[in-house]
PDB file of all heavy atoms in Angstrom:
ATOM      1  N   LEU A   1     -25.073 129.469  -9.076  1.00  0.00           N
ATOM      2  CA  LEU A   1     -25.835 130.724  -9.300  1.00  0.00           C
ATOM      3  C   LEU A   1     -24.891 131.640 -10.089  1.00  0.00           C
ATOM      4  O   LEU A   1     -23.680 131.822  -9.769  1.00  0.00           O
ATOM      5  CB  LEU A   1     -26.159 131.421  -8.028  1.00  0.00           C
ATOM      6  CG  LEU A   1     -27.377 130.765  -7.287  1.00  0.00           C
ATOM      7  CD1 LEU A   1     -26.843 129.672  -6.330  1.00  0.00           C
ATOM      8  CD2 LEU A   1     -28.180 131.732  -6.550  1.00  0.00           C
ATOM      9  N   TYR A   2     -25.423 132.250 -11.184  1.00  0.00           N
ATOM     10  CA  TYR A   2     -24.669 133.221 -11.993  1.00  0.00           C
ATOM     11  C   TYR A   2     -25.308 134.569 -11.852  1.00  0.00           C
ATOM     12  O   TYR A   2     -26.523 134.762 -12.011  1.00  0.00           O
ATOM     13  CB  TYR A   2     -24.726 132.799 -13.408  1.00  0.00           C
ATOM     14  CG  TYR A   2     -24.074 133.786 -14.334  1.00  0.00           C
ATOM     15  CD1 TYR A   2     -22.670 133.784 -14.448  1.00  0.00           C
ATOM     16  CD2 TYR A   2     -24.823 134.692 -15.131  1.00  0.00           C
ATOM     17  CE1 TYR A   2     -22.039 134.739 -15.288  1.00  0.00           C
ATOM     18  CE2 TYR A   2     -24.195 135.603 -15.930  1.00  0.00           C
ATOM     19  CZ  TYR A   2     -22.839 135.654 -16.012  1.00  0.00           C
ATOM     20  OH  TYR A   2     -22.164 136.546 -16.800  1.00  0.00           O
ATOM     21  N   SER A   3     -24.504 135.602 -11.504  1.00  0.00           N
ATOM     22  CA  SER A   3     -24.983 136.967 -11.369  1.00  0.00           C
ATOM     23  C   SER A   3     -24.801 137.709 -12.651  1.00  0.00           C
ATOM     24  O   SER A   3     -23.677 137.810 -13.160  1.00  0.00           O
ATOM     25  CB  SER A   3     -24.207 137.636 -10.248  1.00  0.00           C
ATOM     26  OG  SER A   3     -24.518 139.081 -10.239  1.00  0.00           O
ATOM     27  N   PHE A   4     -25.879 138.210 -13.193  1.00  0.00           N
ATOM     28  CA  PHE A   4     -25.771 139.072 -14.387  1.00  0.00           C
ATOM     29  C   PHE A   4     -25.112 140.405 -14.080  1.00  0.00           C
ATOM     30  O   PHE A   4     -24.653 141.089 -14.926  1.00  0.00           O
ATOM     31  CB  PHE A   4     -27.151 139.296 -15.032  1.00  0.00           C
ATOM     32  CG  PHE A   4     -27.658 138.129 -15.886  1.00  0.00           C
ATOM     33  CD1 PHE A   4     -28.568 137.275 -15.369  1.00  0.00           C
ATOM     34  CD2 PHE A   4     -27.117 137.916 -17.127  1.00  0.00           C
ATOM     35  CE1 PHE A   4     -29.041 136.183 -16.138  1.00  0.00           C
ATOM     36  CE2 PHE A   4     -27.519 136.832 -17.899  1.00  0.00           C
ATOM     37  CZ  PHE A   4     -28.497 135.963 -17.386  1.00  0.00           C
ATOM     38  N   ILE A   5     -25.123 140.784 -12.806  1.00  0.00           N
ATOM     39  CA  ILE A   5     -24.553 142.055 -12.361  1.00  0.00           C
ATOM     40  C   ILE A   5     -23.025 141.980 -12.277  1.00  0.00           C
ATOM     41  O   ILE A   5     -22.349 142.801 -12.837  1.00  0.00           O
ATOM     42  CB  ILE A   5     -25.133 142.538 -11.045  1.00  0.00           C
ATOM     43  CG1 ILE A   5     -26.679 142.734 -11.190  1.00  0.00           C
ATOM     44  CG2 ILE A   5     -24.437 143.780 -10.520  1.00  0.00           C
ATOM     45  CD1 ILE A   5     -27.392 142.926  -9.867  1.00  0.00           C
ATOM     46  N   THR A   6     -22.515 141.010 -11.571  1.00  0.00           N
ATOM     47  CA  THR A   6     -21.091 140.872 -11.364  1.00  0.00           C
ATOM     48  C   THR A   6     -20.403 139.919 -12.376  1.00  0.00           C
ATOM     49  O   THR A   6     -19.158 139.882 -12.374  1.00  0.00           O
ATOM     50  CB  THR A   6     -20.765 140.358  -9.934  1.00  0.00           C
ATOM     51  OG1 THR A   6     -21.301 139.007  -9.782  1.00  0.00           O
ATOM     52  CG2 THR A   6     -21.329 141.292  -8.893  1.00  0.00           C
ATOM     53  N   LYS A   7     -21.195 139.186 -13.115  1.00  0.00           N
ATOM     54  CA  LYS A   7     -20.713 138.181 -14.126  1.00  0.00           C
ATOM     55  C   LYS A   7     -19.865 137.131 -13.408  1.00  0.00           C
ATOM     56  O   LYS A   7     -18.902 136.622 -13.863  1.00  0.00           O
ATOM     57  CB  LYS A   7     -19.839 138.860 -15.186  1.00  0.00           C
ATOM     58  CG  LYS A   7     -20.451 140.060 -15.844  1.00  0.00           C
ATOM     59  CD  LYS A   7     -21.614 139.643 -16.696  1.00  0.00           C
ATOM     60  CE  LYS A   7     -22.142 140.831 -17.531  1.00  0.00           C
ATOM     61  NZ  LYS A   7     -23.517 141.043 -17.490  1.00  0.00           N
ATOM     62  N   SER A   8     -20.332 136.765 -12.211  1.00  0.00           N
ATOM     63  CA  SER A   8     -19.604 135.738 -11.396  1.00  0.00           C
ATOM     64  C   SER A   8     -20.511 134.586 -11.039  1.00  0.00           C
ATOM     65  O   SER A   8     -21.734 134.698 -11.079  1.00  0.00           O
ATOM     66  CB  SER A   8     -19.088 136.415 -10.107  1.00  0.00           C
ATOM     67  OG  SER A   8     -20.149 136.867  -9.355  1.00  0.00           O
ATOM     68  N   TRP A   9     -19.857 133.524 -10.565  1.00  0.00           N
ATOM     69  CA  TRP A   9     -20.523 132.241 -10.212  1.00  0.00           C
ATOM     70  C   TRP A   9     -20.395 132.018  -8.692  1.00  0.00           C
ATOM     71  O   TRP A   9     -19.357 132.265  -8.114  1.00  0.00           O
ATOM     72  CB  TRP A   9     -19.984 131.071 -10.991  1.00  0.00           C
ATOM     73  CG  TRP A   9     -20.321 131.036 -12.420  1.00  0.00           C
ATOM     74  CD1 TRP A   9     -19.582 131.577 -13.471  1.00  0.00           C
ATOM     75  CD2 TRP A   9     -21.470 130.455 -13.039  1.00  0.00           C
ATOM     76  NE1 TRP A   9     -20.266 131.374 -14.641  1.00  0.00           N
ATOM     77  CE2 TRP A   9     -21.354 130.700 -14.417  1.00  0.00           C
ATOM     78  CE3 TRP A   9     -22.591 129.801 -12.505  1.00  0.00           C
ATOM     79  CZ2 TRP A   9     -22.389 130.255 -15.280  1.00  0.00           C
ATOM     80  CZ3 TRP A   9     -23.532 129.313 -13.359  1.00  0.00           C
ATOM     81  CH2 TRP A   9     -23.467 129.552 -14.727  1.00  0.00           C
ATOM     82  N   THR A  10     -21.418 131.439  -8.108  1.00  0.00           N
ATOM     83  CA  THR A  10     -21.409 130.969  -6.741  1.00  0.00           C
ATOM     84  C   THR A  10     -21.883 129.524  -6.724  1.00  0.00           C
ATOM     85  O   THR A  10     -22.855 129.202  -7.332  1.00  0.00           O
ATOM     86  CB  THR A  10     -22.332 131.822  -5.834  1.00  0.00           C
ATOM     87  OG1 THR A  10     -21.931 133.198  -5.970  1.00  0.00           O
ATOM     88  CG2 THR A  10     -22.285 131.377  -4.388  1.00  0.00           C
ATOM     89  N   GLU A  11     -21.135 128.681  -5.967  1.00  0.00           N
ATOM     90  CA  GLU A  11     -21.516 127.309  -5.871  1.00  0.00           C
ATOM     91  C   GLU A  11     -22.350 127.139  -4.562  1.00  0.00           C
ATOM     92  O   GLU A  11     -21.994 127.724  -3.543  1.00  0.00           O
ATOM     93  CB  GLU A  11     -20.275 126.363  -5.758  1.00  0.00           C
ATOM     94  CG  GLU A  11     -20.602 124.908  -5.665  1.00  0.00           C
ATOM     95  CD  GLU A  11     -19.334 124.073  -5.598  1.00  0.00           C
ATOM     96  OE1 GLU A  11     -18.224 124.600  -5.490  1.00  0.00           O
ATOM     97  OE2 GLU A  11     -19.466 122.833  -5.583  1.00  0.00           O
ATOM     98  N   ALA A  12     -23.442 126.422  -4.628  1.00  0.00           N
ATOM     99  CA  ALA A  12     -24.258 126.129  -3.482  1.00  0.00           C
ATOM    100  C   ALA A  12     -24.535 124.657  -3.410  1.00  0.00           C
ATOM    101  O   ALA A  12     -25.187 124.127  -4.329  1.00  0.00           O
ATOM    102  CB  ALA A  12     -25.552 126.981  -3.515  1.00  0.00           C
ATOM    103  N   ASN A  13     -24.076 123.994  -2.382  1.00  0.00           N
ATOM    104  CA  ASN A  13     -24.195 122.536  -2.282  1.00  0.00           C
ATOM    105  C   ASN A  13     -25.437 122.120  -1.554  1.00  0.00           C
ATOM    106  O   ASN A  13     -25.871 122.743  -0.553  1.00  0.00           O
ATOM    107  CB  ASN A  13     -22.963 121.952  -1.555  1.00  0.00           C
ATOM    108  CG  ASN A  13     -21.750 122.084  -2.432  1.00  0.00           C
ATOM    109  OD1 ASN A  13     -21.765 121.998  -3.637  1.00  0.00           O
ATOM    110  ND2 ASN A  13     -20.606 122.273  -1.748  1.00  0.00           N
ATOM    111  N   ALA A  14     -26.119 121.092  -2.088  1.00  0.00           N
ATOM    112  CA  ALA A  14     -27.268 120.430  -1.416  1.00  0.00           C
ATOM    113  C   ALA A  14     -28.398 121.452  -1.058  1.00  0.00           C
ATOM    114  O   ALA A  14     -28.927 121.404   0.006  1.00  0.00           O
ATOM    115  CB  ALA A  14     -26.856 119.669  -0.218  1.00  0.00           C
ATOM    116  N   ILE A  15     -28.725 122.329  -2.017  1.00  0.00           N
ATOM    117  CA  ILE A  15     -29.787 123.327  -1.730  1.00  0.00           C
ATOM    118  C   ILE A  15     -31.063 122.981  -2.343  1.00  0.00           C
ATOM    119  O   ILE A  15     -32.120 123.567  -2.026  1.00  0.00           O
ATOM    120  CB  ILE A  15     -29.290 124.682  -2.149  1.00  0.00           C
ATOM    121  CG1 ILE A  15     -29.081 124.757  -3.660  1.00  0.00           C
ATOM    122  CG2 ILE A  15     -28.131 125.157  -1.360  1.00  0.00           C
ATOM    123  CD1 ILE A  15     -28.947 126.182  -4.192  1.00  0.00           C
ATOM    124  N   LEU A  16     -31.085 122.030  -3.285  1.00  0.00           N
ATOM    125  CA  LEU A  16     -32.356 121.606  -3.882  1.00  0.00           C
ATOM    126  C   LEU A  16     -32.614 120.180  -3.466  1.00  0.00           C
ATOM    127  O   LEU A  16     -31.710 119.431  -3.076  1.00  0.00           O
ATOM    128  CB  LEU A  16     -32.216 121.611  -5.432  1.00  0.00           C
ATOM    129  CG  LEU A  16     -31.828 122.909  -6.104  1.00  0.00           C
ATOM    130  CD1 LEU A  16     -31.526 122.725  -7.567  1.00  0.00           C
ATOM    131  CD2 LEU A  16     -32.946 123.905  -5.913  1.00  0.00           C
ATOM    132  N   VAL A  17     -33.872 119.861  -3.429  1.00  0.00           N
ATOM    133  CA  VAL A  17     -34.202 118.440  -3.004  1.00  0.00           C
ATOM    134  C   VAL A  17     -33.619 117.449  -4.008  1.00  0.00           C
ATOM    135  O   VAL A  17     -33.537 117.744  -5.222  1.00  0.00           O
ATOM    136  CB  VAL A  17     -35.748 118.219  -2.902  1.00  0.00           C
ATOM    137  CG1 VAL A  17     -36.311 119.047  -1.789  1.00  0.00           C
ATOM    138  CG2 VAL A  17     -36.459 118.439  -4.190  1.00  0.00           C
ATOM    139  N   ASP A  18     -33.128 116.412  -3.500  1.00  0.00           N
ATOM    140  CA  ASP A  18     -32.542 115.332  -4.438  1.00  0.00           C
ATOM    141  C   ASP A  18     -33.672 114.365  -4.745  1.00  0.00           C
ATOM    142  O   ASP A  18     -33.545 113.203  -4.421  1.00  0.00           O
ATOM    143  CB  ASP A  18     -31.373 114.673  -3.709  1.00  0.00           C
ATOM    144  CG  ASP A  18     -30.651 113.718  -4.702  1.00  0.00           C
ATOM    145  OD1 ASP A  18     -30.761 113.852  -5.883  1.00  0.00           O
ATOM    146  OD2 ASP A  18     -30.030 112.737  -4.130  1.00  0.00           O
ATOM    147  N   GLN A  19     -34.699 114.886  -5.295  1.00  0.00           N
ATOM    148  CA  GLN A  19     -35.914 114.078  -5.669  1.00  0.00           C
ATOM    149  C   GLN A  19     -36.308 114.575  -7.073  1.00  0.00           C
ATOM    150  O   GLN A  19     -35.793 115.544  -7.565  1.00  0.00           O
ATOM    151  CB  GLN A  19     -37.064 114.379  -4.700  1.00  0.00           C
ATOM    152  CG  GLN A  19     -36.731 113.976  -3.240  1.00  0.00           C
ATOM    153  CD  GLN A  19     -36.479 112.457  -3.091  1.00  0.00           C
ATOM    154  OE1 GLN A  19     -37.006 111.642  -3.800  1.00  0.00           O
ATOM    155  NE2 GLN A  19     -35.644 112.136  -2.115  1.00  0.00           N
ATOM    156  N   ILE A  20     -37.256 113.893  -7.669  1.00  0.00           N
ATOM    157  CA  ILE A  20     -37.836 114.342  -8.945  1.00  0.00           C
ATOM    158  C   ILE A  20     -38.498 115.680  -8.734  1.00  0.00           C
ATOM    159  O   ILE A  20     -39.342 115.796  -7.807  1.00  0.00           O
ATOM    160  CB  ILE A  20     -38.783 113.286  -9.520  1.00  0.00           C
ATOM    161  CG1 ILE A  20     -38.005 111.956  -9.737  1.00  0.00           C
ATOM    162  CG2 ILE A  20     -39.431 113.775 -10.799  1.00  0.00           C
ATOM    163  CD1 ILE A  20     -38.870 110.812 -10.143  1.00  0.00           C
ATOM    164  N   LYS A  21     -38.147 116.633  -9.531  1.00  0.00           N
ATOM    165  CA  LYS A  21     -38.690 117.986  -9.383  1.00  0.00           C
ATOM    166  C   LYS A  21     -39.014 118.588 -10.727  1.00  0.00           C
ATOM    167  O   LYS A  21     -38.506 118.146 -11.745  1.00  0.00           O
ATOM    168  CB  LYS A  21     -37.702 118.872  -8.633  1.00  0.00           C
ATOM    169  CG  LYS A  21     -36.343 118.912  -9.171  1.00  0.00           C
ATOM    170  CD  LYS A  21     -35.426 119.508  -8.140  1.00  0.00           C
ATOM    171  CE  LYS A  21     -33.974 119.032  -8.268  1.00  0.00           C
ATOM    172  NZ  LYS A  21     -33.657 117.698  -8.001  1.00  0.00           N
ATOM    173  N   SER A  22     -39.874 119.613 -10.719  1.00  0.00           N
ATOM    174  CA  SER A  22     -40.292 120.270 -11.956  1.00  0.00           C
ATOM    175  C   SER A  22     -39.249 121.343 -12.339  1.00  0.00           C
ATOM    176  O   SER A  22     -38.244 121.547 -11.582  1.00  0.00           O
ATOM    177  CB  SER A  22     -41.612 121.000 -11.724  1.00  0.00           C
ATOM    178  OG  SER A  22     -41.485 122.049 -10.851  1.00  0.00           O
ATOM    179  N   ASN A  23     -39.521 122.007 -13.373  1.00  0.00           N
ATOM    180  CA  ASN A  23     -38.714 123.128 -13.769  1.00  0.00           C
ATOM    181  C   ASN A  23     -39.040 124.327 -12.844  1.00  0.00           C
ATOM    182  O   ASN A  23     -40.006 124.348 -12.065  1.00  0.00           O
ATOM    183  CB  ASN A  23     -39.068 123.550 -15.213  1.00  0.00           C
ATOM    184  CG  ASN A  23     -40.504 123.874 -15.405  1.00  0.00           C
ATOM    185  OD1 ASN A  23     -41.373 123.060 -15.055  1.00  0.00           O
ATOM    186  ND2 ASN A  23     -40.776 125.023 -15.960  1.00  0.00           N
ATOM    187  N   PHE A  24     -38.137 125.367 -12.847  1.00  0.00           N
ATOM    188  CA  PHE A  24     -38.415 126.557 -12.079  1.00  0.00           C
ATOM    189  C   PHE A  24     -39.385 127.430 -12.802  1.00  0.00           C
ATOM    190  O   PHE A  24     -39.356 127.508 -14.048  1.00  0.00           O
ATOM    191  CB  PHE A  24     -37.077 127.378 -11.947  1.00  0.00           C
ATOM    192  CG  PHE A  24     -36.112 126.790 -10.979  1.00  0.00           C
ATOM    193  CD1 PHE A  24     -34.903 126.251 -11.472  1.00  0.00           C
ATOM    194  CD2 PHE A  24     -36.308 126.808  -9.647  1.00  0.00           C
ATOM    195  CE1 PHE A  24     -33.956 125.744 -10.578  1.00  0.00           C
ATOM    196  CE2 PHE A  24     -35.391 126.279  -8.730  1.00  0.00           C
ATOM    197  CZ  PHE A  24     -34.206 125.772  -9.238  1.00  0.00           C
ATOM    198  N   ILE A  25     -40.267 128.108 -12.071  1.00  0.00           N
ATOM    199  CA  ILE A  25     -41.130 129.130 -12.668  1.00  0.00           C
ATOM    200  C   ILE A  25     -41.196 130.295 -11.704  1.00  0.00           C
ATOM    201  O   ILE A  25     -40.924 130.156 -10.474  1.00  0.00           O
ATOM    202  CB  ILE A  25     -42.548 128.609 -12.976  1.00  0.00           C
ATOM    203  CG1 ILE A  25     -43.265 128.151 -11.713  1.00  0.00           C
ATOM    204  CG2 ILE A  25     -42.503 127.534 -14.037  1.00  0.00           C
ATOM    205  CD1 ILE A  25     -44.750 127.904 -11.877  1.00  0.00           C
ATOM    206  N   ALA A  26     -41.612 131.460 -12.152  1.00  0.00           N
ATOM    207  CA  ALA A  26     -41.896 132.622 -11.318  1.00  0.00           C
ATOM    208  C   ALA A  26     -43.350 132.628 -11.062  1.00  0.00           C
ATOM    209  O   ALA A  26     -44.168 132.510 -11.923  1.00  0.00           O
ATOM    210  CB  ALA A  26     -41.446 133.880 -11.975  1.00  0.00           C
ATOM    211  N   ASP A  27     -43.793 132.755  -9.743  1.00  0.00           N
ATOM    212  CA  ASP A  27     -45.186 132.770  -9.440  1.00  0.00           C
ATOM    213  C   ASP A  27     -45.724 134.164  -9.552  1.00  0.00           C
ATOM    214  O   ASP A  27     -45.056 135.141 -10.000  1.00  0.00           O
ATOM    215  CB  ASP A  27     -45.451 132.172  -8.077  1.00  0.00           C
ATOM    216  CG  ASP A  27     -44.898 132.986  -6.932  1.00  0.00           C
ATOM    217  OD1 ASP A  27     -44.455 134.097  -7.125  1.00  0.00           O
ATOM    218  OD2 ASP A  27     -45.021 132.501  -5.739  1.00  0.00           O
ATOM    219  N   TYR A  28     -46.945 134.384  -9.052  1.00  0.00           N
ATOM    220  CA  TYR A  28     -47.616 135.675  -9.209  1.00  0.00           C
ATOM    221  C   TYR A  28     -46.927 136.818  -8.405  1.00  0.00           C
ATOM    222  O   TYR A  28     -47.078 137.997  -8.676  1.00  0.00           O
ATOM    223  CB  TYR A  28     -49.068 135.578  -8.739  1.00  0.00           C
ATOM    224  CG  TYR A  28     -49.238 135.186  -7.289  1.00  0.00           C
ATOM    225  CD1 TYR A  28     -49.376 136.088  -6.272  1.00  0.00           C
ATOM    226  CD2 TYR A  28     -49.242 133.812  -6.999  1.00  0.00           C
ATOM    227  CE1 TYR A  28     -49.459 135.721  -4.976  1.00  0.00           C
ATOM    228  CE2 TYR A  28     -49.391 133.416  -5.684  1.00  0.00           C
ATOM    229  CZ  TYR A  28     -49.519 134.373  -4.663  1.00  0.00           C
ATOM    230  OH  TYR A  28     -49.621 133.952  -3.346  1.00  0.00           O
ATOM    231  N   ASN A  29     -46.052 136.450  -7.460  1.00  0.00           N
ATOM    232  CA  ASN A  29     -45.250 137.438  -6.692  1.00  0.00           C
ATOM    233  C   ASN A  29     -43.862 137.611  -7.214  1.00  0.00           C
ATOM    234  O   ASN A  29     -43.024 138.248  -6.641  1.00  0.00           O
ATOM    235  CB  ASN A  29     -45.097 136.995  -5.190  1.00  0.00           C
ATOM    236  CG  ASN A  29     -46.395 137.162  -4.478  1.00  0.00           C
ATOM    237  OD1 ASN A  29     -47.163 138.117  -4.690  1.00  0.00           O
ATOM    238  ND2 ASN A  29     -46.665 136.259  -3.502  1.00  0.00           N
ATOM    239  N   ASN A  30     -43.565 136.944  -8.367  1.00  0.00           N
ATOM    240  CA  ASN A  30     -42.241 136.914  -8.974  1.00  0.00           C
ATOM    241  C   ASN A  30     -41.248 136.158  -8.097  1.00  0.00           C
ATOM    242  O   ASN A  30     -40.071 136.333  -8.165  1.00  0.00           O
ATOM    243  CB  ASN A  30     -41.644 138.281  -9.275  1.00  0.00           C
ATOM    244  CG  ASN A  30     -42.206 138.837 -10.587  1.00  0.00           C
ATOM    245  OD1 ASN A  30     -42.536 138.048 -11.454  1.00  0.00           O
ATOM    246  ND2 ASN A  30     -42.265 140.103 -10.738  1.00  0.00           N
ATOM    247  N   ASP A  31     -41.782 135.230  -7.253  1.00  0.00           N
ATOM    248  CA  ASP A  31     -40.926 134.339  -6.430  1.00  0.00           C
ATOM    249  C   ASP A  31     -40.605 133.138  -7.371  1.00  0.00           C
ATOM    250  O   ASP A  31     -41.451 132.648  -8.076  1.00  0.00           O
ATOM    251  CB  ASP A  31     -41.647 133.858  -5.184  1.00  0.00           C
ATOM    252  CG  ASP A  31     -41.842 134.962  -4.167  1.00  0.00           C
ATOM    253  OD1 ASP A  31     -40.978 135.840  -4.067  1.00  0.00           O
ATOM    254  OD2 ASP A  31     -42.866 134.952  -3.520  1.00  0.00           O
ATOM    255  N   LEU A  32     -39.366 132.666  -7.271  1.00  0.00           N
ATOM    256  CA  LEU A  32     -38.982 131.485  -8.061  1.00  0.00           C
ATOM    257  C   LEU A  32     -39.366 130.226  -7.243  1.00  0.00           C
ATOM    258  O   LEU A  32     -39.023 130.114  -6.067  1.00  0.00           O
ATOM    259  CB  LEU A  32     -37.437 131.537  -8.232  1.00  0.00           C
ATOM    260  CG  LEU A  32     -36.851 130.508  -9.259  1.00  0.00           C
ATOM    261  CD1 LEU A  32     -37.395 130.848 -10.642  1.00  0.00           C
ATOM    262  CD2 LEU A  32     -35.359 130.567  -9.189  1.00  0.00           C
ATOM    263  N   ILE A  33     -40.129 129.390  -7.919  1.00  0.00           N
ATOM    264  CA  ILE A  33     -40.607 128.143  -7.272  1.00  0.00           C
ATOM    265  C   ILE A  33     -40.400 126.963  -8.162  1.00  0.00           C
ATOM    266  O   ILE A  33     -40.190 127.066  -9.362  1.00  0.00           O
ATOM    267  CB  ILE A  33     -42.136 128.312  -6.880  1.00  0.00           C
ATOM    268  CG1 ILE A  33     -42.983 128.507  -8.125  1.00  0.00           C
ATOM    269  CG2 ILE A  33     -42.342 129.404  -5.897  1.00  0.00           C
ATOM    270  CD1 ILE A  33     -44.462 128.461  -7.880  1.00  0.00           C
ATOM    271  N   TYR A  34     -40.483 125.811  -7.539  1.00  0.00           N
ATOM    272  CA  TYR A  34     -40.489 124.516  -8.279  1.00  0.00           C
ATOM    273  C   TYR A  34     -41.269 123.499  -7.504  1.00  0.00           C
ATOM    274  O   TYR A  34     -41.531 123.739  -6.276  1.00  0.00           O
ATOM    275  CB  TYR A  34     -39.132 124.018  -8.617  1.00  0.00           C
ATOM    276  CG  TYR A  34     -38.350 123.389  -7.497  1.00  0.00           C
ATOM    277  CD1 TYR A  34     -38.451 122.044  -7.224  1.00  0.00           C
ATOM    278  CD2 TYR A  34     -37.460 124.162  -6.710  1.00  0.00           C
ATOM    279  CE1 TYR A  34     -37.698 121.472  -6.128  1.00  0.00           C
ATOM    280  CE2 TYR A  34     -36.812 123.656  -5.686  1.00  0.00           C
ATOM    281  CZ  TYR A  34     -36.874 122.304  -5.388  1.00  0.00           C
ATOM    282  OH  TYR A  34     -36.187 121.736  -4.354  1.00  0.00           O
ATOM    283  N   TYR A  35     -41.681 122.461  -8.096  1.00  0.00           N
ATOM    284  CA  TYR A  35     -42.484 121.421  -7.410  1.00  0.00           C
ATOM    285  C   TYR A  35     -41.627 120.188  -7.105  1.00  0.00           C
ATOM    286  O   TYR A  35     -40.959 119.632  -7.973  1.00  0.00           O
ATOM    287  CB  TYR A  35     -43.688 120.995  -8.335  1.00  0.00           C
ATOM    288  CG  TYR A  35     -44.654 120.170  -7.635  1.00  0.00           C
ATOM    289  CD1 TYR A  35     -45.530 120.667  -6.672  1.00  0.00           C
ATOM    290  CD2 TYR A  35     -44.750 118.770  -7.946  1.00  0.00           C
ATOM    291  CE1 TYR A  35     -46.440 119.791  -6.008  1.00  0.00           C
ATOM    292  CE2 TYR A  35     -45.635 117.961  -7.273  1.00  0.00           C
ATOM    293  CZ  TYR A  35     -46.501 118.518  -6.308  1.00  0.00           C
ATOM    294  OH  TYR A  35     -47.364 117.663  -5.687  1.00  0.00           O
ATOM    295  N   ASP A  36     -41.733 119.753  -5.838  1.00  0.00           N
ATOM    296  CA  ASP A  36     -41.056 118.573  -5.371  1.00  0.00           C
ATOM    297  C   ASP A  36     -42.097 117.457  -5.449  1.00  0.00           C
ATOM    298  O   ASP A  36     -43.002 117.376  -4.619  1.00  0.00           O
ATOM    299  CB  ASP A  36     -40.564 118.801  -3.941  1.00  0.00           C
ATOM    300  CG  ASP A  36     -40.096 117.522  -3.206  1.00  0.00           C
ATOM    301  OD1 ASP A  36     -40.025 116.448  -3.913  1.00  0.00           O
ATOM    302  OD2 ASP A  36     -39.809 117.669  -2.033  1.00  0.00           O
ATOM    303  N   TYR A  37     -41.914 116.562  -6.415  1.00  0.00           N
ATOM    304  CA  TYR A  37     -42.935 115.503  -6.582  1.00  0.00           C
ATOM    305  C   TYR A  37     -42.944 114.512  -5.482  1.00  0.00           C
ATOM    306  O   TYR A  37     -43.987 114.019  -5.093  1.00  0.00           O
ATOM    307  CB  TYR A  37     -42.678 114.729  -7.920  1.00  0.00           C
ATOM    308  CG  TYR A  37     -43.027 115.600  -9.112  1.00  0.00           C
ATOM    309  CD1 TYR A  37     -42.053 116.278  -9.886  1.00  0.00           C
ATOM    310  CD2 TYR A  37     -44.393 115.722  -9.577  1.00  0.00           C
ATOM    311  CE1 TYR A  37     -42.404 117.086 -10.971  1.00  0.00           C
ATOM    312  CE2 TYR A  37     -44.698 116.455 -10.686  1.00  0.00           C
ATOM    313  CZ  TYR A  37     -43.724 117.157 -11.343  1.00  0.00           C
ATOM    314  OH  TYR A  37     -44.053 117.893 -12.449  1.00  0.00           O
ATOM    315  N   ASN A  38     -41.801 114.221  -4.893  1.00  0.00           N
ATOM    316  CA  ASN A  38     -41.755 113.217  -3.825  1.00  0.00           C
ATOM    317  C   ASN A  38     -42.432 113.755  -2.554  1.00  0.00           C
ATOM    318  O   ASN A  38     -43.213 113.071  -1.924  1.00  0.00           O
ATOM    319  CB  ASN A  38     -40.279 112.827  -3.528  1.00  0.00           C
ATOM    320  CG  ASN A  38     -40.180 111.652  -2.579  1.00  0.00           C
ATOM    321  OD1 ASN A  38     -40.796 110.596  -2.827  1.00  0.00           O
ATOM    322  ND2 ASN A  38     -39.407 111.849  -1.494  1.00  0.00           N
ATOM    323  N   GLY A  39     -42.161 115.012  -2.198  1.00  0.00           N
ATOM    324  CA  GLY A  39     -42.741 115.614  -1.042  1.00  0.00           C
ATOM    325  C   GLY A  39     -44.169 116.158  -1.276  1.00  0.00           C
ATOM    326  O   GLY A  39     -44.806 116.601  -0.361  1.00  0.00           O
ATOM    327  N   ASP A  40     -44.572 116.223  -2.571  1.00  0.00           N
ATOM    328  CA  ASP A  40     -45.885 116.702  -2.970  1.00  0.00           C
ATOM    329  C   ASP A  40     -46.071 118.161  -2.450  1.00  0.00           C
ATOM    330  O   ASP A  40     -47.072 118.440  -1.867  1.00  0.00           O
ATOM    331  CB  ASP A  40     -46.953 115.786  -2.506  1.00  0.00           C
ATOM    332  CG  ASP A  40     -48.330 116.071  -3.202  1.00  0.00           C
ATOM    333  OD1 ASP A  40     -48.278 116.557  -4.336  1.00  0.00           O
ATOM    334  OD2 ASP A  40     -49.339 115.760  -2.601  1.00  0.00           O
ATOM    335  N   VAL A  41     -45.083 118.999  -2.712  1.00  0.00           N
ATOM    336  CA  VAL A  41     -45.121 120.388  -2.181  1.00  0.00           C
ATOM    337  C   VAL A  41     -44.314 121.323  -3.107  1.00  0.00           C
ATOM    338  O   VAL A  41     -43.393 120.890  -3.830  1.00  0.00           O
ATOM    339  CB  VAL A  41     -44.495 120.421  -0.781  1.00  0.00           C
ATOM    340  CG1 VAL A  41     -43.037 120.086  -0.739  1.00  0.00           C
ATOM    341  CG2 VAL A  41     -44.749 121.757  -0.096  1.00  0.00           C
ATOM    342  N   LEU A  42     -44.823 122.575  -3.188  1.00  0.00           N
ATOM    343  CA  LEU A  42     -44.048 123.578  -3.919  1.00  0.00           C
ATOM    344  C   LEU A  42     -42.939 124.106  -3.058  1.00  0.00           C
ATOM    345  O   LEU A  42     -43.114 124.252  -1.855  1.00  0.00           O
ATOM    346  CB  LEU A  42     -44.998 124.713  -4.329  1.00  0.00           C
ATOM    347  CG  LEU A  42     -45.969 124.551  -5.486  1.00  0.00           C
ATOM    348  CD1 LEU A  42     -46.882 125.702  -5.588  1.00  0.00           C
ATOM    349  CD2 LEU A  42     -45.211 124.268  -6.754  1.00  0.00           C
ATOM    350  N   LYS A  43     -41.788 124.308  -3.659  1.00  0.00           N
ATOM    351  CA  LYS A  43     -40.638 124.919  -2.871  1.00  0.00           C
ATOM    352  C   LYS A  43     -40.383 126.308  -3.479  1.00  0.00           C
ATOM    353  O   LYS A  43     -40.467 126.536  -4.672  1.00  0.00           O
ATOM    354  CB  LYS A  43     -39.402 124.039  -3.138  1.00  0.00           C
ATOM    355  CG  LYS A  43     -39.503 122.641  -2.637  1.00  0.00           C
ATOM    356  CD  LYS A  43     -39.358 122.548  -1.173  1.00  0.00           C
ATOM    357  CE  LYS A  43     -39.371 121.094  -0.725  1.00  0.00           C
ATOM    358  NZ  LYS A  43     -38.849 121.001   0.598  1.00  0.00           N
ATOM    359  N   LYS A  44     -40.130 127.222  -2.549  1.00  0.00           N
ATOM    360  CA  LYS A  44     -39.802 128.611  -2.946  1.00  0.00           C
ATOM    361  C   LYS A  44     -38.407 128.982  -2.649  1.00  0.00           C
ATOM    362  O   LYS A  44     -37.897 128.679  -1.557  1.00  0.00           O
ATOM    363  CB  LYS A  44     -40.781 129.540  -2.156  1.00  0.00           C
ATOM    364  CG  LYS A  44     -40.593 131.026  -2.502  1.00  0.00           C
ATOM    365  CD  LYS A  44     -41.663 131.840  -1.831  1.00  0.00           C
ATOM    366  CE  LYS A  44     -41.111 132.575  -0.674  1.00  0.00           C
ATOM    367  NZ  LYS A  44     -41.968 133.568  -0.037  1.00  0.00           N
TER     368      LYS A  44
END
């Protein structure tokens, strides 16, 4: 994760599914989501 405010990086391990997934998009609430094809579910 890169912060545009602090110009710094944070490492986050094993936070995304290790499956085939879509790109990130912002939904109607401005929540960042992506689709997990293996689990057949949207992740927020």
